[in-house]
Structures are given as C-alpha cells and as structure tokens.
PDB file of N, CA and C in Angstrom:
ATOM      1  N   MET A   1     140.220 124.220  63.863  1.00  0.00           N
ATOM      2  CA  MET A   1     140.045 122.876  64.385  1.00  0.00           C
ATOM      3  C   MET A   1     139.147 122.958  65.629  1.00  0.00           C
ATOM      4  N   SER A   2     138.176 122.072  65.730  1.00  0.00           N
ATOM      5  CA  SER A   2     137.261 122.059  66.875  1.00  0.00           C
ATOM      6  C   SER A   2     137.988 121.575  68.129  1.00  0.00           C
ATOM      7  N   ASN A   3     137.365 121.812  69.289  1.00  0.00           N
ATOM      8  CA  ASN A   3     137.941 121.321  70.540  1.00  0.00           C
ATOM      9  C   ASN A   3     138.134 119.810  70.504  1.00  0.00           C
ATOM     10  N   LYS A   4     137.126 119.098  70.003  1.00  0.00           N
ATOM     11  CA  LYS A   4     137.219 117.640  69.951  1.00  0.00           C
ATOM     12  C   LYS A   4     138.373 117.204  69.045  1.00  0.00           C
ATOM     13  N   GLU A   5     138.532 117.858  67.917  1.00  0.00           N
ATOM     14  CA  GLU A   5     139.642 117.513  67.013  1.00  0.00           C
ATOM     15  C   GLU A   5     140.998 117.803  67.658  1.00  0.00           C
ATOM     16  N   GLN A   6     141.096 118.899  68.414  1.00  0.00           N
ATOM     17  CA  GLN A   6     142.341 119.211  69.110  1.00  0.00           C
ATOM     18  C   GLN A   6     142.661 118.151  70.163  1.00  0.00           C
ATOM     19  N   ILE A   7     141.643 117.699  70.886  1.00  0.00           N
ATOM     20  CA  ILE A   7     141.834 116.654  71.896  1.00  0.00           C
ATOM     21  C   ILE A   7     142.253 115.350  71.222  1.00  0.00           C
ATOM     22  N   GLU A   8     141.596 114.983  70.130  1.00  0.00           N
ATOM     23  CA  GLU A   8     141.967 113.761  69.404  1.00  0.00           C
ATOM     24  C   GLU A   8     143.402 113.841  68.893  1.00  0.00           C
ATOM     25  N   THR A   9     143.829 115.005  68.423  1.00  0.00           N
ATOM     26  CA  THR A   9     145.214 115.185  67.976  1.00  0.00           C
ATOM     27  C   THR A   9     146.174 114.968  69.137  1.00  0.00           C
ATOM     28  N   CYS A  10     145.839 115.508  70.301  1.00  0.00           N
ATOM     29  CA  CYS A  10     146.679 115.336  71.489  1.00  0.00           C
ATOM     30  C   CYS A  10     146.777 113.859  71.874  1.00  0.00           C
ATOM     31  N   ILE A  11     145.661 113.148  71.817  1.00  0.00           N
ATOM     32  CA  ILE A  11     145.673 111.716  72.137  1.00  0.00           C
ATOM     33  C   ILE A  11     146.546 110.961  71.137  1.00  0.00           C
ATOM     34  N   ASN A  12     146.468 111.318  69.879  1.00  0.00           N
ATOM     35  CA  ASN A  12     147.309 110.656  68.876  1.00  0.00           C
ATOM     36  C   ASN A  12     148.792 110.929  69.116  1.00  0.00           C
ATOM     37  N   ILE A  13     149.142 112.149  69.515  1.00  0.00           N
ATOM     38  CA  ILE A  13     150.539 112.460  69.847  1.00  0.00           C
ATOM     39  C   ILE A  13     150.984 111.616  71.036  1.00  0.00           C
ATOM     40  N   TYR A  14     150.131 111.518  72.066  1.00  0.00           N
ATOM     41  CA  TYR A  14     150.423 110.673  73.232  1.00  0.00           C
ATOM     42  C   TYR A  14     150.690 109.228  72.794  1.00  0.00           C
ATOM     43  N   TYR A  15     149.794 108.678  71.975  1.00  0.00           N
ATOM     44  CA  TYR A  15     149.931 107.271  71.601  1.00  0.00           C
ATOM     45  C   TYR A  15     151.152 107.041  70.713  1.00  0.00           C
ATOM     46  N   GLU A  16     151.425 107.958  69.799  1.00  0.00           N
ATOM     47  CA  GLU A  16     152.650 107.851  68.994  1.00  0.00           C
ATOM     48  C   GLU A  16     153.875 107.863  69.900  1.00  0.00           C
ATOM     49  N   GLY A  17     153.863 108.731  70.910  1.00  0.00           N
ATOM     50  CA  GLY A  17     154.972 108.785  71.857  1.00  0.00           C
ATOM     51  C   GLY A  17     155.175 107.467  72.571  1.00  0.00           C
ATOM     52  N   CYS A  18     154.077 106.826  72.978  1.00  0.00           N
ATOM     53  CA  CYS A  18     154.183 105.516  73.636  1.00  0.00           C
ATOM     54  C   CYS A  18     154.748 104.477  72.677  1.00  0.00           C
ATOM     55  N   CYS A  19     154.206 104.405  71.479  1.00  0.00           N
ATOM     56  CA  CYS A  19     154.626 103.382  70.514  1.00  0.00           C
ATOM     57  C   CYS A  19     156.064 103.577  70.054  1.00  0.00           C
ATOM     58  N   GLU A  20     156.503 104.832  69.980  1.00  0.00           N
ATOM     59  CA  GLU A  20     157.852 105.136  69.499  1.00  0.00           C
ATOM     60  C   GLU A  20     158.855 105.321  70.638  1.00  0.00           C
ATOM     61  N   SER A  21     158.410 105.143  71.889  1.00  0.00           N
ATOM     62  CA  SER A  21     159.250 105.387  73.077  1.00  0.00           C
ATOM     63  C   SER A  21     159.875 106.778  73.023  1.00  0.00           C
ATOM     64  N   ASP A  22     159.052 107.768  72.684  1.00  0.00           N
ATOM     65  CA  ASP A  22     159.508 109.140  72.459  1.00  0.00           C
ATOM     66  C   ASP A  22     159.056 110.057  73.603  1.00  0.00           C
ATOM     67  N   PRO A  23     159.958 110.363  74.538  1.00  0.00           N
ATOM     68  CA  PRO A  23     159.559 111.206  75.670  1.00  0.00           C
ATOM     69  C   PRO A  23     159.162 112.620  75.264  1.00  0.00           C
ATOM     70  N   ALA A  24     159.683 113.140  74.163  1.00  0.00           N
ATOM     71  CA  ALA A  24     159.318 114.491  73.716  1.00  0.00           C
ATOM     72  C   ALA A  24     157.840 114.550  73.329  1.00  0.00           C
ATOM     73  N   LYS A  25     157.341 113.514  72.655  1.00  0.00           N
ATOM     74  CA  LYS A  25     155.918 113.487  72.291  1.00  0.00           C
ATOM     75  C   LYS A  25     155.048 113.342  73.536  1.00  0.00           C
ATOM     76  N   ILE A  26     155.513 112.549  74.505  1.00  0.00           N
ATOM     77  CA  ILE A  26     154.767 112.411  75.758  1.00  0.00           C
ATOM     78  C   ILE A  26     154.653 113.776  76.431  1.00  0.00           C
ATOM     79  N   LYS A  27     155.764 114.492  76.518  1.00  0.00           N
ATOM     80  CA  LYS A  27     155.749 115.808  77.171  1.00  0.00           C
ATOM     81  C   LYS A  27     154.934 116.827  76.381  1.00  0.00           C
ATOM     82  N   GLU A  28     154.829 116.647  75.077  1.00  0.00           N
ATOM     83  CA  GLU A  28     153.993 117.526  74.256  1.00  0.00           C
ATOM     84  C   GLU A  28     152.513 117.311  74.549  1.00  0.00           C
ATOM     85  N   ALA A  29     152.125 116.076  74.831  1.00  0.00           N
ATOM     86  CA  ALA A  29     150.716 115.740  75.039  1.00  0.00           C
ATOM     87  C   ALA A  29     150.216 116.090  76.441  1.00  0.00           C
ATOM     88  N   PHE A  30     151.110 116.108  77.423  1.00  0.00           N
ATOM     89  CA  PHE A  30     150.720 116.300  78.818  1.00  0.00           C
ATOM     90  C   PHE A  30     151.033 117.710  79.306  1.00  0.00           C
ATOM     91  N   ASP A  31     150.230 118.189  80.250  1.00  0.00           N
ATOM     92  CA  ASP A  31     150.547 119.404  80.985  1.00  0.00           C
ATOM     93  C   ASP A  31     151.777 119.134  81.850  1.00  0.00           C
ATOM     94  N   GLN A  32     152.584 120.150  82.075  1.00  0.00           N
ATOM     95  CA  GLN A  32     153.816 119.963  82.848  1.00  0.00           C
ATOM     96  C   GLN A  32     153.557 119.507  84.280  1.00  0.00           C
ATOM     97  N   ASN A  33     152.349 119.738  84.805  1.00  0.00           N
ATOM     98  CA  ASN A  33     152.005 119.331  86.168  1.00  0.00           C
ATOM     99  C   ASN A  33     151.215 118.025  86.218  1.00  0.00           C
ATOM    100  N   ALA A  34     151.182 117.300  85.130  1.00  0.00           N
ATOM    101  CA  ALA A  34     150.352 116.093  85.033  1.00  0.00           C
ATOM    102  C   ALA A  34     150.791 115.008  86.014  1.00  0.00           C
ATOM    103  N   MET A  35     149.815 114.197  86.402  1.00  0.00           N
ATOM    104  CA  MET A  35     150.064 113.005  87.213  1.00  0.00           C
ATOM    105  C   MET A  35     149.492 111.803  86.470  1.00  0.00           C
ATOM    106  N   ILE A  36     150.210 110.684  86.569  1.00  0.00           N
ATOM    107  CA  ILE A  36     149.837 109.452  85.888  1.00  0.00           C
ATOM    108  C   ILE A  36     149.778 108.361  86.953  1.00  0.00           C
ATOM    109  N   SER A  37     148.635 107.701  87.089  1.00  0.00           N
ATOM    110  CA  SER A  37     148.456 106.710  88.147  1.00  0.00           C
ATOM    111  C   SER A  37     147.601 105.561  87.653  1.00  0.00           C
ATOM    112  N   GLY A  38     147.890 104.379  88.194  1.00  0.00           N
ATOM    113  CA  GLY A  38     147.063 103.225  87.877  1.00  0.00           C
ATOM    114  C   GLY A  38     147.723 101.939  88.298  1.00  0.00           C
ATOM    115  N   TYR A  39     147.040 100.856  87.986  1.00  0.00           N
ATOM    116  CA  TYR A  39     147.498  99.542  88.403  1.00  0.00           C
ATOM    117  C   TYR A  39     148.038  98.742  87.231  1.00  0.00           C
ATOM    118  N   LEU A  40     149.225  98.202  87.433  1.00  0.00           N
ATOM    119  CA  LEU A  40     149.808  97.184  86.564  1.00  0.00           C
ATOM    120  C   LEU A  40     149.739  95.872  87.329  1.00  0.00           C
ATOM    121  N   PRO A  41     150.050  94.735  86.693  1.00  0.00           N
ATOM    122  CA  PRO A  41     149.972  93.466  87.411  1.00  0.00           C
ATOM    123  C   PRO A  41     150.768  93.437  88.726  1.00  0.00           C
ATOM    124  N   ASP A  42     151.832  94.241  88.836  1.00  0.00           N
ATOM    125  CA  ASP A  42     152.632  94.233  90.069  1.00  0.00           C
ATOM    126  C   ASP A  42     152.180  95.271  91.093  1.00  0.00           C
ATOM    127  N   GLY A  43     151.063  95.957  90.856  1.00  0.00           N
ATOM    128  CA  GLY A  43     150.541  96.885  91.849  1.00  0.00           C
ATOM    129  C   GLY A  43     150.370  98.303  91.337  1.00  0.00           C
ATOM    130  N   LEU A  44     150.144  99.218  92.291  1.00  0.00           N
ATOM    131  CA  LEU A  44     149.875 100.616  91.986  1.00  0.00           C
ATOM    132  C   LEU A  44     151.145 101.335  91.554  1.00  0.00           C
ATOM    133  N   HIS A  45     151.022 102.131  90.499  1.00  0.00           N
ATOM    134  CA  HIS A  45     152.118 102.975  90.016  1.00  0.00           C
ATOM    135  C   HIS A  45     151.618 104.414  89.982  1.00  0.00           C
ATOM    136  N   GLU A  46     152.424 105.333  90.532  1.00  0.00           N
ATOM    137  CA  GLU A  46     152.098 106.754  90.538  1.00  0.00           C
ATOM    138  C   GLU A  46     153.323 107.513  90.054  1.00  0.00           C
ATOM    139  N   MET A  47     153.143 108.346  89.028  1.00  0.00           N
ATOM    140  CA  MET A  47     154.273 109.041  88.414  1.00  0.00           C
ATOM    141  C   MET A  47     153.909 110.481  88.087  1.00  0.00           C
ATOM    142  N   ASN A  48     154.919 111.347  88.128  1.00  0.00           N
ATOM    143  CA  ASN A  48     154.751 112.676  87.560  1.00  0.00           C
ATOM    144  C   ASN A  48     155.130 112.590  86.081  1.00  0.00           C
ATOM    145  N   LEU A  49     155.062 113.698  85.380  1.00  0.00           N
ATOM    146  CA  LEU A  49     155.304 113.670  83.940  1.00  0.00           C
ATOM    147  C   LEU A  49     156.723 113.222  83.605  1.00  0.00           C
ATOM    148  N   ASP A  50     157.721 113.740  84.305  1.00  0.00           N
ATOM    149  CA  ASP A  50     159.102 113.350  84.006  1.00  0.00           C
ATOM    150  C   ASP A  50     159.321 111.853  84.221  1.00  0.00           C
ATOM    151  N   GLU A  51     158.744 111.310  85.289  1.00  0.00           N
ATOM    152  CA  GLU A  51     158.880 109.873  85.553  1.00  0.00           C
ATOM    153  C   GLU A  51     158.194 109.052  84.468  1.00  0.00           C
ATOM    154  N   PHE A  52     157.001 109.471  84.055  1.00  0.00           N
ATOM    155  CA  PHE A  52     156.285 108.729  83.020  1.00  0.00           C
ATOM    156  C   PHE A  52     157.013 108.811  81.683  1.00  0.00           C
ATOM    157  N   ALA A  53     157.495 110.001  81.323  1.00  0.00           N
ATOM    158  CA  ALA A  53     158.250 110.152  80.070  1.00  0.00           C
ATOM    159  C   ALA A  53     159.503 109.278  80.103  1.00  0.00           C
ATOM    160  N   GLY A  54     160.153 109.178  81.260  1.00  0.00           N
ATOM    161  CA  GLY A  54     161.313 108.304  81.407  1.00  0.00           C
ATOM    162  C   GLY A  54     160.947 106.839  81.262  1.00  0.00           C
ATOM    163  N   PHE A  55     159.807 106.442  81.839  1.00  0.00           N
ATOM    164  CA  PHE A  55     159.335 105.062  81.699  1.00  0.00           C
ATOM    165  C   PHE A  55     159.106 104.731  80.227  1.00  0.00           C
ATOM    166  N   VAL A  56     158.444 105.631  79.519  1.00  0.00           N
ATOM    167  CA  VAL A  56     158.175 105.411  78.092  1.00  0.00           C
ATOM    168  C   VAL A  56     159.489 105.309  77.321  1.00  0.00           C
ATOM    169  N   ALA A  57     160.430 106.203  77.594  1.00  0.00           N
ATOM    170  CA  ALA A  57     161.720 106.211  76.891  1.00  0.00           C
ATOM    171  C   ALA A  57     162.515 104.934  77.143  1.00  0.00           C
ATOM    172  N   ASP A  58     162.336 104.336  78.324  1.00  0.00           N
ATOM    173  CA  ASP A  58     163.081 103.124  78.688  1.00  0.00           C
ATOM    174  C   ASP A  58     162.611 101.875  77.946  1.00  0.00           C
ATOM    175  N   GLN A  59     161.491 101.945  77.259  1.00  0.00           N
ATOM    176  CA  GLN A  59     160.968 100.773  76.543  1.00  0.00           C
ATOM    177  C   GLN A  59     161.742 100.624  75.233  1.00  0.00           C
ATOM    178  N   GLN A  60     162.858  99.924  75.301  1.00  0.00           N
ATOM    179  CA  GLN A  60     163.756  99.762  74.149  1.00  0.00           C
ATOM    180  C   GLN A  60     163.982  98.287  73.852  1.00  0.00           C
ATOM    181  N   PRO A  61     163.939  97.856  72.614  1.00  0.00           N
ATOM    182  CA  PRO A  61     163.498  98.669  71.479  1.00  0.00           C
ATOM    183  C   PRO A  61     162.043  99.087  71.669  1.00  0.00           C
ATOM    184  N   SER A  62     161.662 100.132  70.972  1.00  0.00           N
ATOM    185  CA  SER A  62     160.303 100.663  71.129  1.00  0.00           C
ATOM    186  C   SER A  62     159.278  99.622  70.683  1.00  0.00           C
ATOM    187  N   PRO A  63     158.046  99.728  71.193  1.00  0.00           N
ATOM    188  CA  PRO A  63     156.998  98.816  70.730  1.00  0.00           C
ATOM    189  C   PRO A  63     156.856  98.812  69.206  1.00  0.00           C
ATOM    190  N   LYS A  64     156.984  99.971  68.573  1.00  0.00           N
ATOM    191  CA  LYS A  64     156.885 100.052  67.108  1.00  0.00           C
ATOM    192  C   LYS A  64     158.016  99.265  66.456  1.00  0.00           C
ATOM    193  N   GLU A  65     159.247  99.409  66.970  1.00  0.00           N
ATOM    194  CA  GLU A  65     160.401  98.686  66.412  1.00  0.00           C
ATOM    195  C   GLU A  65     160.260  97.178  66.596  1.00  0.00           C
ATOM    196  N   LYS A  66     159.601  96.761  67.681  1.00  0.00           N
ATOM    197  CA  LYS A  66     159.391  95.328  67.931  1.00  0.00           C
ATOM    198  C   LYS A  66     158.233  94.766  67.116  1.00  0.00           C
ATOM    199  N   GLY A  67     157.452  95.641  66.495  1.00  0.00           N
ATOM    200  CA  GLY A  67     156.300  95.188  65.725  1.00  0.00           C
ATOM    201  C   GLY A  67     155.094  94.862  66.584  1.00  0.00           C
ATOM    202  N   ASP A  68     155.029  95.442  67.792  1.00  0.00           N
ATOM    203  CA  ASP A  68     153.881  95.207  68.670  1.00  0.00           C
ATOM    204  C   ASP A  68     152.591  95.697  68.019  1.00  0.00           C
ATOM    205  N   GLN A  69     151.491  95.065  68.413  1.00  0.00           N
ATOM    206  CA  GLN A  69     150.169  95.473  67.945  1.00  0.00           C
ATOM    207  C   GLN A  69     149.917  96.924  68.335  1.00  0.00           C
ATOM    208  N   GLU A  70     149.412  97.720  67.399  1.00  0.00           N
ATOM    209  CA  GLU A  70     148.988  99.087  67.698  1.00  0.00           C
ATOM    210  C   GLU A  70     147.474  99.151  67.589  1.00  0.00           C
ATOM    211  N   PHE A  71     146.864  99.642  68.639  1.00  0.00           N
ATOM    212  CA  PHE A  71     145.407  99.766  68.675  1.00  0.00           C
ATOM    213  C   PHE A  71     145.055 100.937  69.580  1.00  0.00           C
ATOM    214  N   LEU A  72     144.246 101.840  69.097  1.00  0.00           N
ATOM    215  CA  LEU A  72     143.794 102.993  69.874  1.00  0.00           C
ATOM    216  C   LEU A  72     142.342 103.264  69.524  1.00  0.00           C
ATOM    217  N   GLU A  73     141.503 103.314  70.551  1.00  0.00           N
ATOM    218  CA  GLU A  73     140.075 103.596  70.371  1.00  0.00           C
ATOM    219  C   GLU A  73     139.653 104.647  71.386  1.00  0.00           C
ATOM    220  N   ILE A  74     139.029 105.707  70.927  1.00  0.00           N
ATOM    221  CA  ILE A  74     138.446 106.690  71.840  1.00  0.00           C
ATOM    222  C   ILE A  74     137.043 106.201  72.182  1.00  0.00           C
ATOM    223  N   ILE A  75     136.846 105.878  73.449  1.00  0.00           N
ATOM    224  CA  ILE A  75     135.567 105.341  73.913  1.00  0.00           C
ATOM    225  C   ILE A  75     134.567 106.470  74.147  1.00  0.00           C
ATOM    226  N   SER A  76     135.022 107.533  74.797  1.00  0.00           N
ATOM    227  CA  SER A  76     134.132 108.658  75.077  1.00  0.00           C
ATOM    228  C   SER A  76     134.943 109.939  75.212  1.00  0.00           C
ATOM    229  N   CYS A  77     134.270 111.053  74.942  1.00  0.00           N
ATOM    230  CA  CYS A  77     134.893 112.374  75.061  1.00  0.00           C
ATOM    231  C   CYS A  77     133.803 113.364  75.450  1.00  0.00           C
ATOM    232  N   GLU A  78     133.894 113.894  76.664  1.00  0.00           N
ATOM    233  CA  GLU A  78     132.931 114.884  77.139  1.00  0.00           C
ATOM    234  C   GLU A  78     133.667 116.178  77.425  1.00  0.00           C
ATOM    235  N   ILE A  79     133.273 117.241  76.747  1.00  0.00           N
ATOM    236  CA  ILE A  79     133.914 118.548  76.885  1.00  0.00           C
ATOM    237  C   ILE A  79     132.948 119.486  77.594  1.00  0.00           C
ATOM    238  N   VAL A  80     133.442 120.136  78.648  1.00  0.00           N
ATOM    239  CA  VAL A  80     132.670 121.137  79.379  1.00  0.00           C
ATOM    240  C   VAL A  80     133.569 122.353  79.555  1.00  0.00           C
ATOM    241  N   GLY A  81     133.287 123.394  78.790  1.00  0.00           N
ATOM    242  CA  GLY A  81     134.117 124.596  78.855  1.00  0.00           C
ATOM    243  C   GLY A  81     135.548 124.281  78.449  1.00  0.00           C
ATOM    244  N   ASP A  82     136.476 124.606  79.340  1.00  0.00           N
ATOM    245  CA  ASP A  82     137.895 124.365  79.077  1.00  0.00           C
ATOM    246  C   ASP A  82     138.411 123.118  79.772  1.00  0.00           C
ATOM    247  N   THR A  83     137.508 122.177  80.065  1.00  0.00           N
ATOM    248  CA  THR A  83     137.888 120.885  80.635  1.00  0.00           C
ATOM    249  C   THR A  83     137.248 119.776  79.807  1.00  0.00           C
ATOM    250  N   ALA A  84     137.844 118.608  79.887  1.00  0.00           N
ATOM    251  CA  ALA A  84     137.280 117.453  79.178  1.00  0.00           C
ATOM    252  C   ALA A  84     137.680 116.180  79.905  1.00  0.00           C
ATOM    253  N   ILE A  85     136.824 115.186  79.791  1.00  0.00           N
ATOM    254  CA  ILE A  85     137.098 113.840  80.293  1.00  0.00           C
ATOM    255  C   ILE A  85     137.037 112.913  79.086  1.00  0.00           C
ATOM    256  N   VAL A  86     138.106 112.140  78.884  1.00  0.00           N
ATOM    257  CA  VAL A  86     138.203 111.251  77.725  1.00  0.00           C
ATOM    258  C   VAL A  86     138.608 109.868  78.208  1.00  0.00           C
ATOM    259  N   GLN A  87     137.946 108.858  77.693  1.00  0.00           N
ATOM    260  CA  GLN A  87     138.332 107.479  77.998  1.00  0.00           C
ATOM    261  C   GLN A  87     138.744 106.806  76.697  1.00  0.00           C
ATOM    262  N   ILE A  88     139.889 106.100  76.753  1.00  0.00           N
ATOM    263  CA  ILE A  88     140.391 105.394  75.576  1.00  0.00           C
ATOM    264  C   ILE A  88     140.718 103.953  75.932  1.00  0.00           C
ATOM    265  N   ARG A  89     140.796 103.132  74.902  1.00  0.00           N
ATOM    266  CA  ARG A  89     141.314 101.762  75.011  1.00  0.00           C
ATOM    267  C   ARG A  89     142.521 101.724  74.087  1.00  0.00           C
ATOM    268  N   GLU A  90     143.641 101.183  74.594  1.00  0.00           N
ATOM    269  CA  GLU A  90     144.867 101.151  73.799  1.00  0.00           C
ATOM    270  C   GLU A  90     145.657  99.877  74.065  1.00  0.00           C
ATOM    271  N   ALA A  91     146.366  99.434  73.029  1.00  0.00           N
ATOM    272  CA  ALA A  91     147.319  98.329  73.171  1.00  0.00           C
ATOM    273  C   ALA A  91     148.687  98.941  73.432  1.00  0.00           C
ATOM    274  N   TYR A  92     149.362  98.426  74.482  1.00  0.00           N
ATOM    275  CA  TYR A  92     150.700  98.925  74.816  1.00  0.00           C
ATOM    276  C   TYR A  92     151.413  97.870  75.648  1.00  0.00           C
ATOM    277  N   LEU A  93     152.621  97.539  75.262  1.00  0.00           N
ATOM    278  CA  LEU A  93     153.472  96.583  75.981  1.00  0.00           C
ATOM    279  C   LEU A  93     152.802  95.225  76.162  1.00  0.00           C
ATOM    280  N   GLY A  94     152.066  94.804  75.146  1.00  0.00           N
ATOM    281  CA  GLY A  94     151.428  93.495  75.187  1.00  0.00           C
ATOM    282  C   GLY A  94     150.176  93.432  76.042  1.00  0.00           C
ATOM    283  N   MET A  95     149.675  94.568  76.477  1.00  0.00           N
ATOM    284  CA  MET A  95     148.478  94.630  77.313  1.00  0.00           C
ATOM    285  C   MET A  95     147.471  95.575  76.666  1.00  0.00           C
ATOM    286  N   ILE A  96     146.208  95.420  77.062  1.00  0.00           N
ATOM    287  CA  ILE A  96     145.169  96.354  76.657  1.00  0.00           C
ATOM    288  C   ILE A  96     144.834  97.206  77.879  1.00  0.00           C
ATOM    289  N   PHE A  97     144.977  98.507  77.715  1.00  0.00           N
ATOM    290  CA  PHE A  97     144.717  99.450  78.793  1.00  0.00           C
ATOM    291  C   PHE A  97     143.423 100.209  78.526  1.00  0.00           C
ATOM    292  N   ILE A  98     142.723 100.519  79.603  1.00  0.00           N
ATOM    293  CA  ILE A  98     141.654 101.507  79.582  1.00  0.00           C
ATOM    294  C   ILE A  98     142.221 102.709  80.329  1.00  0.00           C
ATOM    295  N   ASP A  99     142.334 103.833  79.633  1.00  0.00           N
ATOM    296  CA  ASP A  99     142.864 105.059  80.223  1.00  0.00           C
ATOM    297  C   ASP A  99     141.750 106.079  80.349  1.00  0.00           C
ATOM    298  N   SER A 100     141.713 106.739  81.492  1.00  0.00           N
ATOM    299  CA  SER A 100     140.806 107.862  81.705  1.00  0.00           C
ATOM    300  C   SER A 100     141.663 109.112  81.825  1.00  0.00           C
ATOM    301  N   PHE A 101     141.480 110.035  80.892  1.00  0.00           N
ATOM    302  CA  PHE A 101     142.246 111.273  80.860  1.00  0.00           C
ATOM    303  C   PHE A 101     141.359 112.436  81.288  1.00  0.00           C
ATOM    304  N   SER A 102     141.916 113.347  82.071  1.00  0.00           N
ATOM    305  CA  SER A 102     141.286 114.655  82.239  1.00  0.00           C
ATOM    306  C   SER A 102     142.144 115.643  81.472  1.00  0.00           C
ATOM    307  N   PHE A 103     141.493 116.502  80.742  1.00  0.00           N
ATOM    308  CA  PHE A 103     142.158 117.505  79.911  1.00  0.00           C
ATOM    309  C   PHE A 103     141.848 118.901  80.432  1.00  0.00           C
ATOM    310  N   LEU A 104     142.813 119.790  80.291  1.00  0.00           N
ATOM    311  CA  LEU A 104     142.625 121.214  80.528  1.00  0.00           C
ATOM    312  C   LEU A 104     143.048 121.970  79.280  1.00  0.00           C
ATOM    313  N   LYS A 105     142.303 123.016  78.974  1.00  0.00           N
ATOM    314  CA  LYS A 105     142.695 123.899  77.881  1.00  0.00           C
ATOM    315  C   LYS A 105     143.346 125.128  78.503  1.00  0.00           C
ATOM    316  N   LYS A 106     144.646 125.280  78.273  1.00  0.00           N
ATOM    317  CA  LYS A 106     145.410 126.417  78.788  1.00  0.00           C
ATOM    318  C   LYS A 106     146.110 127.081  77.614  1.00  0.00           C
ATOM    319  N   ASP A 107     146.078 128.400  77.592  1.00  0.00           N
ATOM    320  CA  ASP A 107     146.723 129.139  76.503  1.00  0.00           C
ATOM    321  C   ASP A 107     146.251 128.636  75.138  1.00  0.00           C
ATOM    322  N   ASN A 108     144.942 128.340  75.055  1.00  0.00           N
ATOM    323  CA  ASN A 108     144.304 127.892  73.815  1.00  0.00           C
ATOM    324  C   ASN A 108     144.813 126.539  73.318  1.00  0.00           C
ATOM    325  N   SER A 109     145.341 125.715  74.227  1.00  0.00           N
ATOM    326  CA  SER A 109     145.884 124.410  73.846  1.00  0.00           C
ATOM    327  C   SER A 109     145.409 123.343  74.829  1.00  0.00           C
ATOM    328  N   TRP A 110     144.898 122.232  74.300  1.00  0.00           N
ATOM    329  CA  TRP A 110     144.441 121.119  75.133  1.00  0.00           C
ATOM    330  C   TRP A 110     145.617 120.218  75.487  1.00  0.00           C
ATOM    331  N   ARG A 111     145.733 119.874  76.784  1.00  0.00           N
ATOM    332  CA  ARG A 111     146.775 118.965  77.253  1.00  0.00           C
ATOM    333  C   ARG A 111     146.175 118.020  78.291  1.00  0.00           C
ATOM    334  N   ILE A 112     146.748 116.829  78.380  1.00  0.00           N
ATOM    335  CA  ILE A 112     146.326 115.848  79.385  1.00  0.00           C
ATOM    336  C   ILE A 112     146.824 116.323  80.745  1.00  0.00           C
ATOM    337  N   TYR A 113     145.902 116.413  81.721  1.00  0.00           N
ATOM    338  CA  TYR A 113     146.271 116.858  83.060  1.00  0.00           C
ATOM    339  C   TYR A 113     146.415 115.686  84.023  1.00  0.00           C
ATOM    340  N   THR A 114     145.567 114.677  83.878  1.00  0.00           N
ATOM    341  CA  THR A 114     145.733 113.448  84.654  1.00  0.00           C
ATOM    342  C   THR A 114     145.437 112.253  83.759  1.00  0.00           C
ATOM    343  N   LYS A 115     146.124 111.162  84.075  1.00  0.00           N
ATOM    344  CA  LYS A 115     145.881 109.891  83.394  1.00  0.00           C
ATOM    345  C   LYS A 115     145.719 108.834  84.474  1.00  0.00           C
ATOM    346  N   LEU A 116     144.574 108.168  84.476  1.00  0.00           N
ATOM    347  CA  LEU A 116     144.349 106.992  85.312  1.00  0.00           C
ATOM    348  C   LEU A 116     144.277 105.805  84.376  1.00  0.00           C
ATOM    349  N   PHE A 117     145.011 104.742  84.698  1.00  0.00           N
ATOM    350  CA  PHE A 117     145.020 103.598  83.787  1.00  0.00           C
ATOM    351  C   PHE A 117     144.674 102.308  84.505  1.00  0.00           C
ATOM    352  N   HIS A 118     144.097 101.401  83.722  1.00  0.00           N
ATOM    353  CA  HIS A 118     143.670 100.084  84.192  1.00  0.00           C
ATOM    354  C   HIS A 118     144.011  99.081  83.098  1.00  0.00           C
ATOM    355  N   VAL A 119     144.603  97.954  83.477  1.00  0.00           N
ATOM    356  CA  VAL A 119     144.908  96.900  82.509  1.00  0.00           C
ATOM    357  C   VAL A 119     143.665  96.041  82.333  1.00  0.00           C
ATOM    358  N   GLU A 120     143.171  95.992  81.090  1.00  0.00           N
ATOM    359  CA  GLU A 120     141.975  95.204  80.785  1.00  0.00           C
ATOM    360  C   GLU A 120     142.327  93.734  80.622  1.00  0.00           C
ATOM    361  N   SER A 121     143.452  93.462  79.958  1.00  0.00           N
ATOM    362  CA  SER A 121     143.848  92.063  79.755  1.00  0.00           C
ATOM    363  C   SER A 121     145.342  91.979  79.621  1.00  0.00           C
TER     364      SER A 121
END
C-alpha cells in the first residue's frame, strides 16, 4: 500500500470512529501524543487524545445511529518524507468541518499528530 493509501485508510478509520462514536477507532487513527484544537460556535476547544476520544464517545446515540449525514472529502494531501499535511471536509454533528491534519509516520505506520478544525457552516 502506498503512503497516500495508508493515510487515506487512517482518515477513514478516524471518520468511522466519529460517526460510530467509537473511541477505539479514534485512538487507532491518532498518535498517542496528538493534540486536537479548533473553534466551535461556543469558542476555542483544545484537547489531548484521551479528551477528544471521550468527546467522540459521549455523542450518544452516535451520529450513524441517528441517521446523520455522512460526508468526507479529502481536499489535499502533501507528503514529504515521513510527514504529511492533509486537509479534509467532513460532516459531523450537523456541521461541516474543515480539518487540517499533520501526520507522522512512526514504526512504518501513519498516524494523525495534530488536528486543527474549523466549522464551515
């Protein structure tokens, strides 16, 4: 599998985790030292991986169980050595997010190292 395909697989695991409110999939997609930051309508949110996985798990019933719209688009993916910058657009919790991910390849595996998010609508 190419680097780009591995990154796309990781993004799909991340998005499935969000839609299914599955913290195990979230932790699979992210590096253990990851940070997640961005703005929601109520202001700035900054979380470590455990906090973000807990936030995702707390969305009950899950977006998938509620029948929420699922939409995921990879806008760009730039790979340089063992790092990558990826921007996606996704539907989650009734909002459209633009996420900017930085990826690191460690132990031959790509994981999200940082996530910056912005609500588009």
